[in-house]
């Protein structure tokens, strides 16, 4: 009878411990957790800017297909992905409040694997940049430096929305755009290309502000001074709208001055529609920011391509 009682006791203990063994965190990250950490959905912006740079160069793709494809990979799956990994590692405490389901705070990216991935992917980015040539390497170095300065101490630029959004805007838009043109031209792009890259980078500052509305509570609790935290949601939304609209207006005036009235009209119409959509954004910024990202920002990036074709037309190149 005693042995039978012991067996029943051991069985009961096994049943209690089984769920704990099942729920134990993994020792290695899964492929799905890795891809979620690298966030493929965010790769679009720098890849698009790189493509705009390629178009604006006016250079033919013939004979430079490998440089083009390598540059697209550099902008998105390497440089941008590395920046996402770096950001998630150094934001893991904030994400535990705002988005606890992310790979690192949820435990699906266990231990210090998030940091290891960030370092490894940054190295891959520099390596690919070096393979593509001096301009691509310089761009990859700037992109990696900005990614770490944005997220990591001692700089941690994201703690202030003015500096952090500027770093991301210039990395995702300006650096990627200039790189696309430089890779195709195998040299320094002209001032119209650089001017467009800078202007649309400034506008991207406002786009980055839209992404901060979803995390106001966690940012405030963790001392992250995003613009919605500093200015309040309503004022930050108005600032974002002005910052997005003003560079586009300057682009329109510049294209008119260069005789590209058709492209200027196309971008002008896009901006007009964006301003209409901004009115709904301002009604409730926290609720409507994702909606504006899908509508107004889409028009913004289409205007980037139109501007790239306008500069290509001036340079007289052909794809």
C-alpha atoms as a PDB file:
ATOM      1  CA  UNK A   1       0.000   0.000   0.000  1.00  0.00           C
ATOM      2  CA  UNK A   2       2.872   2.336   0.798  1.00  0.00           C
ATOM      3  CA  UNK A   3       4.502   1.760  -2.572  1.00  0.00           C
ATOM      4  CA  UNK A   4       1.247   2.407  -4.331  1.00  0.00           C
ATOM      5  CA  UNK A   5       0.869   5.670  -2.409  1.00  0.00           C
ATOM      6  CA  UNK A   6       4.396   6.716  -3.362  1.00  0.00           C
ATOM      7  CA  UNK A   7       3.696   6.009  -7.027  1.00  0.00           C
ATOM      8  CA  UNK A   8       0.582   8.119  -6.932  1.00  0.00           C
ATOM      9  CA  UNK A   9       2.558  10.934  -5.258  1.00  0.00           C
ATOM     10  CA  UNK A  10       5.307  10.813  -7.887  1.00  0.00           C
ATOM     11  CA  UNK A  11       2.733  10.852 -10.660  1.00  0.00           C
ATOM     12  CA  UNK A  12       1.074  13.895  -9.151  1.00  0.00           C
ATOM     13  CA  UNK A  13       4.406  15.724  -8.840  1.00  0.00           C
ATOM     14  CA  UNK A  14       5.210  14.905 -12.476  1.00  0.00           C
ATOM     15  CA  UNK A  15       1.876  16.328 -13.581  1.00  0.00           C
ATOM     16  CA  UNK A  16       2.559  19.533 -11.638  1.00  0.00           C
ATOM     17  CA  UNK A  17       6.087  19.953 -13.036  1.00  0.00           C
ATOM     18  CA  UNK A  18       5.169  19.120 -16.662  1.00  0.00           C
ATOM     19  CA  UNK A  19       3.566  22.499 -17.461  1.00  0.00           C
ATOM     20  CA  UNK A  20       6.606  24.260 -15.983  1.00  0.00           C
ATOM     21  CA  UNK A  21       8.881  22.286 -18.276  1.00  0.00           C
ATOM     22  CA  UNK A  22       6.677  23.054 -21.265  1.00  0.00           C
ATOM     23  CA  UNK A  23       6.560  26.777 -20.421  1.00  0.00           C
ATOM     24  CA  UNK A  24      10.327  27.109 -19.958  1.00  0.00           C
ATOM     25  CA  UNK A  25      11.819  29.759 -22.256  1.00  0.00           C
ATOM     26  CA  UNK A  26      13.819  28.505 -25.251  1.00  0.00           C
ATOM     27  CA  UNK A  27      17.607  28.487 -25.082  1.00  0.00           C
ATOM     28  CA  UNK A  28      17.914  29.570 -28.725  1.00  0.00           C
ATOM     29  CA  UNK A  29      15.707  31.970 -30.698  1.00  0.00           C
ATOM     30  CA  UNK A  30      13.453  30.492 -33.341  1.00  0.00           C
ATOM     31  CA  UNK A  31      13.563  31.628 -36.958  1.00  0.00           C
ATOM     32  CA  UNK A  32      10.153  33.268 -36.550  1.00  0.00           C
ATOM     33  CA  UNK A  33      11.393  35.249 -33.516  1.00  0.00           C
ATOM     34  CA  UNK A  34      14.474  36.342 -35.486  1.00  0.00           C
ATOM     35  CA  UNK A  35      12.383  37.569 -38.412  1.00  0.00           C
ATOM     36  CA  UNK A  36      10.041  39.371 -36.052  1.00  0.00           C
ATOM     37  CA  UNK A  37      13.037  41.082 -34.443  1.00  0.00           C
ATOM     38  CA  UNK A  38      14.356  42.221 -37.839  1.00  0.00           C
ATOM     39  CA  UNK A  39      10.883  43.528 -38.814  1.00  0.00           C
ATOM     40  CA  UNK A  40      10.692  43.067 -42.613  1.00  0.00           C
ATOM     41  CA  UNK A  41       7.703  45.427 -42.763  1.00  0.00           C
ATOM     42  CA  UNK A  42      10.031  48.331 -41.879  1.00  0.00           C
ATOM     43  CA  UNK A  43      12.422  47.633 -44.728  1.00  0.00           C
ATOM     44  CA  UNK A  44      10.165  49.273 -47.289  1.00  0.00           C
ATOM     45  CA  UNK A  45      11.023  52.898 -46.449  1.00  0.00           C
ATOM     46  CA  UNK A  46      14.806  52.762 -46.993  1.00  0.00           C
ATOM     47  CA  UNK A  47      14.443  50.399 -49.967  1.00  0.00           C
ATOM     48  CA  UNK A  48      11.989  52.833 -51.552  1.00  0.00           C
ATOM     49  CA  UNK A  49      14.339  55.773 -50.864  1.00  0.00           C
ATOM     50  CA  UNK A  50      17.226  53.815 -52.392  1.00  0.00           C
ATOM     51  CA  UNK A  51      15.068  53.171 -55.459  1.00  0.00           C
ATOM     52  CA  UNK A  52      14.260  56.877 -55.682  1.00  0.00           C
ATOM     53  CA  UNK A  53      17.977  57.578 -55.596  1.00  0.00           C
ATOM     54  CA  UNK A  54      18.522  55.121 -58.444  1.00  0.00           C
ATOM     55  CA  UNK A  55      15.787  56.779 -60.514  1.00  0.00           C
ATOM     56  CA  UNK A  56      17.030  60.289 -59.777  1.00  0.00           C
ATOM     57  CA  UNK A  57      20.546  59.388 -60.945  1.00  0.00           C
ATOM     58  CA  UNK A  58      19.332  58.950 -64.511  1.00  0.00           C
ATOM     59  CA  UNK A  59      21.912  56.174 -64.920  1.00  0.00           C
ATOM     60  CA  UNK A  60      21.025  53.019 -66.883  1.00  0.00           C
ATOM     61  CA  UNK A  61      20.678  49.743 -65.028  1.00  0.00           C
ATOM     62  CA  UNK A  62      22.480  47.910 -67.802  1.00  0.00           C
ATOM     63  CA  UNK A  63      25.768  46.601 -66.490  1.00  0.00           C
ATOM     64  CA  UNK A  64      24.978  47.608 -62.883  1.00  0.00           C
ATOM     65  CA  UNK A  65      22.257  45.138 -61.953  1.00  0.00           C
ATOM     66  CA  UNK A  66      24.351  43.553 -59.217  1.00  0.00           C
ATOM     67  CA  UNK A  67      25.052  46.947 -57.683  1.00  0.00           C
ATOM     68  CA  UNK A  68      21.357  47.790 -57.806  1.00  0.00           C
ATOM     69  CA  UNK A  69      20.223  44.530 -56.198  1.00  0.00           C
ATOM     70  CA  UNK A  70      23.026  44.664 -53.642  1.00  0.00           C
ATOM     71  CA  UNK A  71      22.059  48.222 -52.750  1.00  0.00           C
ATOM     72  CA  UNK A  72      18.407  47.261 -52.244  1.00  0.00           C
ATOM     73  CA  UNK A  73      19.512  44.469 -49.909  1.00  0.00           C
ATOM     74  CA  UNK A  74      21.865  46.836 -48.106  1.00  0.00           C
ATOM     75  CA  UNK A  75      19.129  49.424 -47.522  1.00  0.00           C
ATOM     76  CA  UNK A  76      16.452  47.017 -46.271  1.00  0.00           C
ATOM     77  CA  UNK A  77      17.325  43.496 -45.075  1.00  0.00           C
ATOM     78  CA  UNK A  78      20.733  44.592 -43.766  1.00  0.00           C
ATOM     79  CA  UNK A  79      20.987  48.230 -42.601  1.00  0.00           C
ATOM     80  CA  UNK A  80      17.351  48.685 -41.648  1.00  0.00           C
ATOM     81  CA  UNK A  81      17.096  45.221 -40.106  1.00  0.00           C
ATOM     82  CA  UNK A  82      20.220  45.864 -38.039  1.00  0.00           C
ATOM     83  CA  UNK A  83      18.746  49.124 -36.758  1.00  0.00           C
ATOM     84  CA  UNK A  84      15.573  47.302 -35.711  1.00  0.00           C
ATOM     85  CA  UNK A  85      17.540  44.695 -33.767  1.00  0.00           C
ATOM     86  CA  UNK A  86      19.639  47.373 -32.047  1.00  0.00           C
ATOM     87  CA  UNK A  87      16.543  49.358 -31.135  1.00  0.00           C
ATOM     88  CA  UNK A  88      14.644  46.377 -29.751  1.00  0.00           C
ATOM     89  CA  UNK A  89      17.557  45.317 -27.543  1.00  0.00           C
ATOM     90  CA  UNK A  90      18.025  48.723 -25.943  1.00  0.00           C
ATOM     91  CA  UNK A  91      14.238  49.284 -25.783  1.00  0.00           C
ATOM     92  CA  UNK A  92      13.456  45.962 -24.137  1.00  0.00           C
ATOM     93  CA  UNK A  93      12.434  47.606 -20.852  1.00  0.00           C
ATOM     94  CA  UNK A  94      10.126  50.091 -22.581  1.00  0.00           C
ATOM     95  CA  UNK A  95       8.695  47.340 -24.785  1.00  0.00           C
ATOM     96  CA  UNK A  96       7.911  45.313 -21.672  1.00  0.00           C
ATOM     97  CA  UNK A  97       5.359  48.054 -20.923  1.00  0.00           C
ATOM     98  CA  UNK A  98       4.224  49.115 -24.399  1.00  0.00           C
ATOM     99  CA  UNK A  99       4.502  45.886 -26.391  1.00  0.00           C
ATOM    100  CA  UNK A 100       5.314  42.920 -24.115  1.00  0.00           C
ATOM    101  CA  UNK A 101       4.583  40.442 -26.911  1.00  0.00           C
ATOM    102  CA  UNK A 102       7.727  41.449 -28.853  1.00  0.00           C
ATOM    103  CA  UNK A 103      10.464  38.787 -29.150  1.00  0.00           C
ATOM    104  CA  UNK A 104      12.807  40.084 -26.432  1.00  0.00           C
ATOM    105  CA  UNK A 105      10.398  41.024 -23.595  1.00  0.00           C
ATOM    106  CA  UNK A 106       8.267  37.945 -24.306  1.00  0.00           C
ATOM    107  CA  UNK A 107      11.306  35.659 -23.907  1.00  0.00           C
ATOM    108  CA  UNK A 108      11.139  34.252 -27.434  1.00  0.00           C
ATOM    109  CA  UNK A 109      14.514  35.909 -28.065  1.00  0.00           C
ATOM    110  CA  UNK A 110      16.164  34.576 -24.870  1.00  0.00           C
ATOM    111  CA  UNK A 111      19.112  35.833 -22.855  1.00  0.00           C
ATOM    112  CA  UNK A 112      21.379  38.254 -24.704  1.00  0.00           C
ATOM    113  CA  UNK A 113      20.557  36.910 -28.145  1.00  0.00           C
ATOM    114  CA  UNK A 114      18.944  40.205 -29.115  1.00  0.00           C
ATOM    115  CA  UNK A 115      22.271  41.962 -28.575  1.00  0.00           C
ATOM    116  CA  UNK A 116      24.198  39.262 -30.440  1.00  0.00           C
ATOM    117  CA  UNK A 117      21.881  39.585 -33.443  1.00  0.00           C
ATOM    118  CA  UNK A 118      22.238  43.396 -33.399  1.00  0.00           C
ATOM    119  CA  UNK A 119      26.040  43.176 -33.440  1.00  0.00           C
ATOM    120  CA  UNK A 120      26.154  40.413 -36.055  1.00  0.00           C
ATOM    121  CA  UNK A 121      23.699  42.138 -38.403  1.00  0.00           C
ATOM    122  CA  UNK A 122      25.576  45.430 -38.094  1.00  0.00           C
ATOM    123  CA  UNK A 123      28.745  43.601 -39.130  1.00  0.00           C
ATOM    124  CA  UNK A 124      26.992  42.031 -42.114  1.00  0.00           C
ATOM    125  CA  UNK A 125      25.793  45.494 -43.167  1.00  0.00           C
ATOM    126  CA  UNK A 126      29.331  46.892 -43.157  1.00  0.00           C
ATOM    127  CA  UNK A 127      30.620  43.848 -45.022  1.00  0.00           C
ATOM    128  CA  UNK A 128      28.028  44.146 -47.809  1.00  0.00           C
ATOM    129  CA  UNK A 129      28.699  47.893 -48.054  1.00  0.00           C
ATOM    130  CA  UNK A 130      32.414  47.211 -48.496  1.00  0.00           C
ATOM    131  CA  UNK A 131      31.675  44.701 -51.276  1.00  0.00           C
ATOM    132  CA  UNK A 132      29.539  47.249 -53.136  1.00  0.00           C
ATOM    133  CA  UNK A 133      32.226  49.952 -53.155  1.00  0.00           C
ATOM    134  CA  UNK A 134      33.421  52.978 -51.230  1.00  0.00           C
ATOM    135  CA  UNK A 135      30.174  54.956 -51.486  1.00  0.00           C
ATOM    136  CA  UNK A 136      28.080  52.030 -50.296  1.00  0.00           C
ATOM    137  CA  UNK A 137      30.530  51.330 -47.478  1.00  0.00           C
ATOM    138  CA  UNK A 138      30.442  54.968 -46.366  1.00  0.00           C
ATOM    139  CA  UNK A 139      26.647  54.872 -46.415  1.00  0.00           C
ATOM    140  CA  UNK A 140      26.517  51.601 -44.490  1.00  0.00           C
ATOM    141  CA  UNK A 141      28.915  53.004 -41.888  1.00  0.00           C
ATOM    142  CA  UNK A 142      26.742  56.113 -41.424  1.00  0.00           C
ATOM    143  CA  UNK A 143      23.575  54.007 -41.225  1.00  0.00           C
ATOM    144  CA  UNK A 144      25.041  51.653 -38.617  1.00  0.00           C
ATOM    145  CA  UNK A 145      26.482  54.554 -36.603  1.00  0.00           C
ATOM    146  CA  UNK A 146      23.120  56.337 -36.570  1.00  0.00           C
ATOM    147  CA  UNK A 147      21.330  53.122 -35.590  1.00  0.00           C
ATOM    148  CA  UNK A 148      23.531  52.635 -32.536  1.00  0.00           C
ATOM    149  CA  UNK A 149      23.550  56.343 -31.647  1.00  0.00           C
ATOM    150  CA  UNK A 150      19.749  56.367 -31.841  1.00  0.00           C
ATOM    151  CA  UNK A 151      19.223  53.452 -29.481  1.00  0.00           C
ATOM    152  CA  UNK A 152      22.335  52.813 -27.392  1.00  0.00           C
ATOM    153  CA  UNK A 153      24.024  54.731 -24.581  1.00  0.00           C
ATOM    154  CA  UNK A 154      25.749  57.105 -24.237  1.00  0.00           C
ATOM    155  CA  UNK A 155      23.997  58.995 -27.026  1.00  0.00           C
ATOM    156  CA  UNK A 156      20.586  57.256 -27.112  1.00  0.00           C
ATOM    157  CA  UNK A 157      19.189  59.965 -29.364  1.00  0.00           C
ATOM    158  CA  UNK A 158      15.697  58.505 -29.170  1.00  0.00           C
ATOM    159  CA  UNK A 159      15.370  59.849 -25.629  1.00  0.00           C
ATOM    160  CA  UNK A 160      14.645  63.191 -27.295  1.00  0.00           C
ATOM    161  CA  UNK A 161      12.146  63.162 -30.151  1.00  0.00           C
ATOM    162  CA  UNK A 162      13.793  66.060 -31.968  1.00  0.00           C
ATOM    163  CA  UNK A 163      17.164  64.332 -32.277  1.00  0.00           C
ATOM    164  CA  UNK A 164      15.957  60.755 -32.537  1.00  0.00           C
ATOM    165  CA  UNK A 165      13.459  61.376 -35.309  1.00  0.00           C
ATOM    166  CA  UNK A 166      16.064  63.364 -37.238  1.00  0.00           C
ATOM    167  CA  UNK A 167      18.545  60.479 -37.017  1.00  0.00           C
ATOM    168  CA  UNK A 168      16.021  57.954 -38.328  1.00  0.00           C
ATOM    169  CA  UNK A 169      14.705  60.286 -41.028  1.00  0.00           C
ATOM    170  CA  UNK A 170      18.144  60.993 -42.450  1.00  0.00           C
ATOM    171  CA  UNK A 171      19.183  57.349 -42.200  1.00  0.00           C
ATOM    172  CA  UNK A 172      16.069  55.834 -43.782  1.00  0.00           C
ATOM    173  CA  UNK A 173      15.498  58.526 -46.413  1.00  0.00           C
ATOM    174  CA  UNK A 174      18.530  60.734 -47.025  1.00  0.00           C
ATOM    175  CA  UNK A 175      21.360  58.230 -46.686  1.00  0.00           C
ATOM    176  CA  UNK A 176      19.461  55.589 -48.647  1.00  0.00           C
ATOM    177  CA  UNK A 177      18.546  58.071 -51.423  1.00  0.00           C
ATOM    178  CA  UNK A 178      22.079  59.431 -51.850  1.00  0.00           C
ATOM    179  CA  UNK A 179      23.450  55.877 -51.764  1.00  0.00           C
ATOM    180  CA  UNK A 180      21.141  54.781 -54.581  1.00  0.00           C
ATOM    181  CA  UNK A 181      22.289  57.639 -56.773  1.00  0.00           C
ATOM    182  CA  UNK A 182      25.971  57.274 -55.859  1.00  0.00           C
ATOM    183  CA  UNK A 183      26.025  53.524 -56.481  1.00  0.00           C
ATOM    184  CA  UNK A 184      24.559  53.991 -59.948  1.00  0.00           C
ATOM    185  CA  UNK A 185      26.741  56.970 -60.832  1.00  0.00           C
ATOM    186  CA  UNK A 186      29.874  55.478 -59.242  1.00  0.00           C
ATOM    187  CA  UNK A 187      30.528  58.942 -57.864  1.00  0.00           C
ATOM    188  CA  UNK A 188      29.055  61.884 -56.004  1.00  0.00           C
ATOM    189  CA  UNK A 189      25.490  62.837 -57.003  1.00  0.00           C
ATOM    190  CA  UNK A 190      24.684  66.407 -58.032  1.00  0.00           C
ATOM    191  CA  UNK A 191      23.085  69.046 -55.857  1.00  0.00           C
ATOM    192  CA  UNK A 192      19.450  68.516 -57.055  1.00  0.00           C
ATOM    193  CA  UNK A 193      19.627  64.892 -55.885  1.00  0.00           C
ATOM    194  CA  UNK A 194      21.190  65.843 -52.548  1.00  0.00           C
ATOM    195  CA  UNK A 195      18.608  68.614 -52.069  1.00  0.00           C
ATOM    196  CA  UNK A 196      15.738  66.184 -52.606  1.00  0.00           C
ATOM    197  CA  UNK A 197      17.292  63.649 -50.223  1.00  0.00           C
ATOM    198  CA  UNK A 198      17.662  66.293 -47.503  1.00  0.00           C
ATOM    199  CA  UNK A 199      14.154  67.708 -47.945  1.00  0.00           C
ATOM    200  CA  UNK A 200      12.416  64.348 -47.856  1.00  0.00           C
ATOM    201  CA  UNK A 201      14.548  63.380 -44.849  1.00  0.00           C
ATOM    202  CA  UNK A 202      13.216  66.425 -43.013  1.00  0.00           C
ATOM    203  CA  UNK A 203       9.675  65.397 -43.912  1.00  0.00           C
ATOM    204  CA  UNK A 204      10.390  61.910 -42.558  1.00  0.00           C
ATOM    205  CA  UNK A 205      10.924  63.527 -39.147  1.00  0.00           C
ATOM    206  CA  UNK A 206       7.185  64.137 -39.062  1.00  0.00           C
ATOM    207  CA  UNK A 207       6.444  60.582 -40.174  1.00  0.00           C
ATOM    208  CA  UNK A 208       8.536  59.272 -37.275  1.00  0.00           C
ATOM    209  CA  UNK A 209       6.485  61.373 -34.873  1.00  0.00           C
ATOM    210  CA  UNK A 210       3.363  59.538 -36.020  1.00  0.00           C
ATOM    211  CA  UNK A 211       4.939  56.281 -34.864  1.00  0.00           C
ATOM    212  CA  UNK A 212       5.370  57.661 -31.337  1.00  0.00           C
ATOM    213  CA  UNK A 213       1.677  58.104 -30.556  1.00  0.00           C
ATOM    214  CA  UNK A 214       1.171  54.393 -29.871  1.00  0.00           C
ATOM    215  CA  UNK A 215       3.749  54.362 -27.055  1.00  0.00           C
ATOM    216  CA  UNK A 216       3.107  57.605 -25.174  1.00  0.00           C
ATOM    217  CA  UNK A 217       2.377  55.925 -21.832  1.00  0.00           C
ATOM    218  CA  UNK A 218       5.416  53.665 -21.852  1.00  0.00           C
ATOM    219  CA  UNK A 219       7.701  56.429 -23.153  1.00  0.00           C
ATOM    220  CA  UNK A 220       6.587  58.784 -20.391  1.00  0.00           C
ATOM    221  CA  UNK A 221       7.100  56.089 -17.743  1.00  0.00           C
ATOM    222  CA  UNK A 222      10.606  55.249 -19.008  1.00  0.00           C
ATOM    223  CA  UNK A 223      11.787  58.841 -19.557  1.00  0.00           C
ATOM    224  CA  UNK A 224      11.690  58.761 -23.373  1.00  0.00           C
ATOM    225  CA  UNK A 225      10.897  62.334 -24.392  1.00  0.00           C
ATOM    226  CA  UNK A 226       9.201  61.735 -27.727  1.00  0.00           C
ATOM    227  CA  UNK A 227       7.424  64.726 -29.221  1.00  0.00           C
ATOM    228  CA  UNK A 228       3.981  63.501 -28.090  1.00  0.00           C
ATOM    229  CA  UNK A 229       5.410  63.260 -24.557  1.00  0.00           C
ATOM    230  CA  UNK A 230       7.094  66.685 -24.736  1.00  0.00           C
ATOM    231  CA  UNK A 231       4.367  68.610 -26.520  1.00  0.00           C
ATOM    232  CA  UNK A 232       1.247  66.582 -25.892  1.00  0.00           C
ATOM    233  CA  UNK A 233      -0.557  64.588 -28.556  1.00  0.00           C
ATOM    234  CA  UNK A 234      -2.389  67.492 -30.203  1.00  0.00           C
ATOM    235  CA  UNK A 235       0.580  69.856 -30.513  1.00  0.00           C
ATOM    236  CA  UNK A 236       2.895  67.057 -31.622  1.00  0.00           C
ATOM    237  CA  UNK A 237       0.453  66.108 -34.368  1.00  0.00           C
ATOM    238  CA  UNK A 238       0.331  69.696 -35.630  1.00  0.00           C
ATOM    239  CA  UNK A 239       4.130  69.893 -35.641  1.00  0.00           C
ATOM    240  CA  UNK A 240       4.324  66.584 -37.526  1.00  0.00           C
ATOM    241  CA  UNK A 241       1.895  67.847 -40.174  1.00  0.00           C
ATOM    242  CA  UNK A 242       3.892  71.042 -40.731  1.00  0.00           C
ATOM    243  CA  UNK A 243       7.177  69.129 -40.867  1.00  0.00           C
ATOM    244  CA  UNK A 244       5.763  66.704 -43.446  1.00  0.00           C
ATOM    245  CA  UNK A 245       4.136  69.374 -45.601  1.00  0.00           C
ATOM    246  CA  UNK A 246       6.765  72.139 -45.683  1.00  0.00           C
ATOM    247  CA  UNK A 247       9.546  70.181 -47.459  1.00  0.00           C
ATOM    248  CA  UNK A 248       7.098  69.025 -50.113  1.00  0.00           C
ATOM    249  CA  UNK A 249       6.065  72.624 -50.733  1.00  0.00           C
ATOM    250  CA  UNK A 250       9.736  73.557 -51.180  1.00  0.00           C
ATOM    251  CA  UNK A 251      10.181  70.664 -53.629  1.00  0.00           C
ATOM    252  CA  UNK A 252       7.200  71.890 -55.639  1.00  0.00           C
ATOM    253  CA  UNK A 253       8.579  75.428 -55.852  1.00  0.00           C
ATOM    254  CA  UNK A 254      12.014  74.104 -56.805  1.00  0.00           C
ATOM    255  CA  UNK A 255      10.639  71.946 -59.608  1.00  0.00           C
ATOM    256  CA  UNK A 256       8.614  74.865 -60.957  1.00  0.00           C
ATOM    257  CA  UNK A 257      11.786  76.973 -60.988  1.00  0.00           C
ATOM    258  CA  UNK A 258      13.566  74.215 -62.953  1.00  0.00           C
ATOM    259  CA  UNK A 259      10.749  74.030 -65.499  1.00  0.00           C
ATOM    260  CA  UNK A 260       9.334  70.677 -64.318  1.00  0.00           C
ATOM    261  CA  UNK A 261       5.758  71.915 -63.937  1.00  0.00           C
ATOM    262  CA  UNK A 262       4.104  68.549 -64.674  1.00  0.00           C
ATOM    263  CA  UNK A 263       5.910  66.785 -61.831  1.00  0.00           C
ATOM    264  CA  UNK A 264       5.391  69.826 -59.620  1.00  0.00           C
ATOM    265  CA  UNK A 265       1.641  69.655 -60.293  1.00  0.00           C
ATOM    266  CA  UNK A 266       1.546  65.942 -59.463  1.00  0.00           C
ATOM    267  CA  UNK A 267       3.308  66.472 -56.139  1.00  0.00           C
ATOM    268  CA  UNK A 268       1.136  69.528 -55.473  1.00  0.00           C
ATOM    269  CA  UNK A 269      -2.037  67.466 -55.910  1.00  0.00           C
ATOM    270  CA  UNK A 270      -0.620  64.797 -53.604  1.00  0.00           C
ATOM    271  CA  UNK A 271       0.151  67.427 -50.971  1.00  0.00           C
ATOM    272  CA  UNK A 272      -3.343  68.908 -51.299  1.00  0.00           C
ATOM    273  CA  UNK A 273      -4.913  65.515 -50.564  1.00  0.00           C
ATOM    274  CA  UNK A 274      -2.511  64.972 -47.666  1.00  0.00           C
ATOM    275  CA  UNK A 275      -3.609  68.260 -46.102  1.00  0.00           C
ATOM    276  CA  UNK A 276      -7.236  67.151 -46.318  1.00  0.00           C
ATOM    277  CA  UNK A 277      -6.337  63.862 -44.621  1.00  0.00           C
ATOM    278  CA  UNK A 278      -4.363  65.723 -41.958  1.00  0.00           C
ATOM    279  CA  UNK A 279      -7.569  67.318 -40.717  1.00  0.00           C
ATOM    280  CA  UNK A 280      -8.862  63.900 -39.675  1.00  0.00           C
ATOM    281  CA  UNK A 281      -5.494  63.050 -38.130  1.00  0.00           C
ATOM    282  CA  UNK A 282      -5.656  66.176 -35.974  1.00  0.00           C
ATOM    283  CA  UNK A 283      -9.139  65.274 -34.693  1.00  0.00           C
ATOM    284  CA  UNK A 284      -7.677  62.361 -32.708  1.00  0.00           C
ATOM    285  CA  UNK A 285      -3.932  61.849 -33.265  1.00  0.00           C
ATOM    286  CA  UNK A 286      -3.536  58.821 -31.007  1.00  0.00           C
ATOM    287  CA  UNK A 287      -6.338  56.922 -32.710  1.00  0.00           C
ATOM    288  CA  UNK A 288      -5.814  58.142 -36.277  1.00  0.00           C
ATOM    289  CA  UNK A 289      -2.016  58.021 -36.606  1.00  0.00           C
ATOM    290  CA  UNK A 290      -2.007  54.424 -37.990  1.00  0.00           C
ATOM    291  CA  UNK A 291      -4.728  55.394 -40.465  1.00  0.00           C
ATOM    292  CA  UNK A 292      -2.720  58.407 -41.651  1.00  0.00           C
ATOM    293  CA  UNK A 293       0.379  56.242 -41.990  1.00  0.00           C
ATOM    294  CA  UNK A 294      -1.539  54.078 -44.454  1.00  0.00           C
ATOM    295  CA  UNK A 295      -3.035  56.978 -46.423  1.00  0.00           C
ATOM    296  CA  UNK A 296      -1.162  60.264 -46.161  1.00  0.00           C
ATOM    297  CA  UNK A 297       2.291  58.723 -45.866  1.00  0.00           C
ATOM    298  CA  UNK A 298       1.597  56.592 -48.936  1.00  0.00           C
ATOM    299  CA  UNK A 299       0.970  59.789 -50.901  1.00  0.00           C
ATOM    300  CA  UNK A 300       4.168  61.262 -49.452  1.00  0.00           C
ATOM    301  CA  UNK A 301       6.339  58.411 -50.743  1.00  0.00           C
ATOM    302  CA  UNK A 302       4.658  58.514 -54.156  1.00  0.00           C
ATOM    303  CA  UNK A 303       5.618  62.180 -54.294  1.00  0.00           C
ATOM    304  CA  UNK A 304       9.219  61.141 -53.604  1.00  0.00           C
ATOM    305  CA  UNK A 305       9.191  58.982 -56.725  1.00  0.00           C
ATOM    306  CA  UNK A 306       7.675  61.778 -58.804  1.00  0.00           C
ATOM    307  CA  UNK A 307      10.425  64.125 -57.631  1.00  0.00           C
ATOM    308  CA  UNK A 308      13.048  61.506 -58.484  1.00  0.00           C
ATOM    309  CA  UNK A 309      11.713  61.248 -62.035  1.00  0.00           C
ATOM    310  CA  UNK A 310      11.749  65.041 -62.313  1.00  0.00           C
ATOM    311  CA  UNK A 311      15.453  65.168 -61.429  1.00  0.00           C
ATOM    312  CA  UNK A 312      16.136  62.233 -63.763  1.00  0.00           C
ATOM    313  CA  UNK A 313      14.464  64.177 -66.536  1.00  0.00           C
ATOM    314  CA  UNK A 314      16.785  67.094 -65.873  1.00  0.00           C
ATOM    315  CA  UNK A 315      19.874  64.899 -65.898  1.00  0.00           C
ATOM    316  CA  UNK A 316      18.769  63.298 -69.168  1.00  0.00           C
ATOM    317  CA  UNK A 317      19.603  59.734 -68.111  1.00  0.00           C
ATOM    318  CA  UNK A 318      17.532  56.680 -68.877  1.00  0.00           C
ATOM    319  CA  UNK A 319      16.858  53.515 -66.926  1.00  0.00           C
END
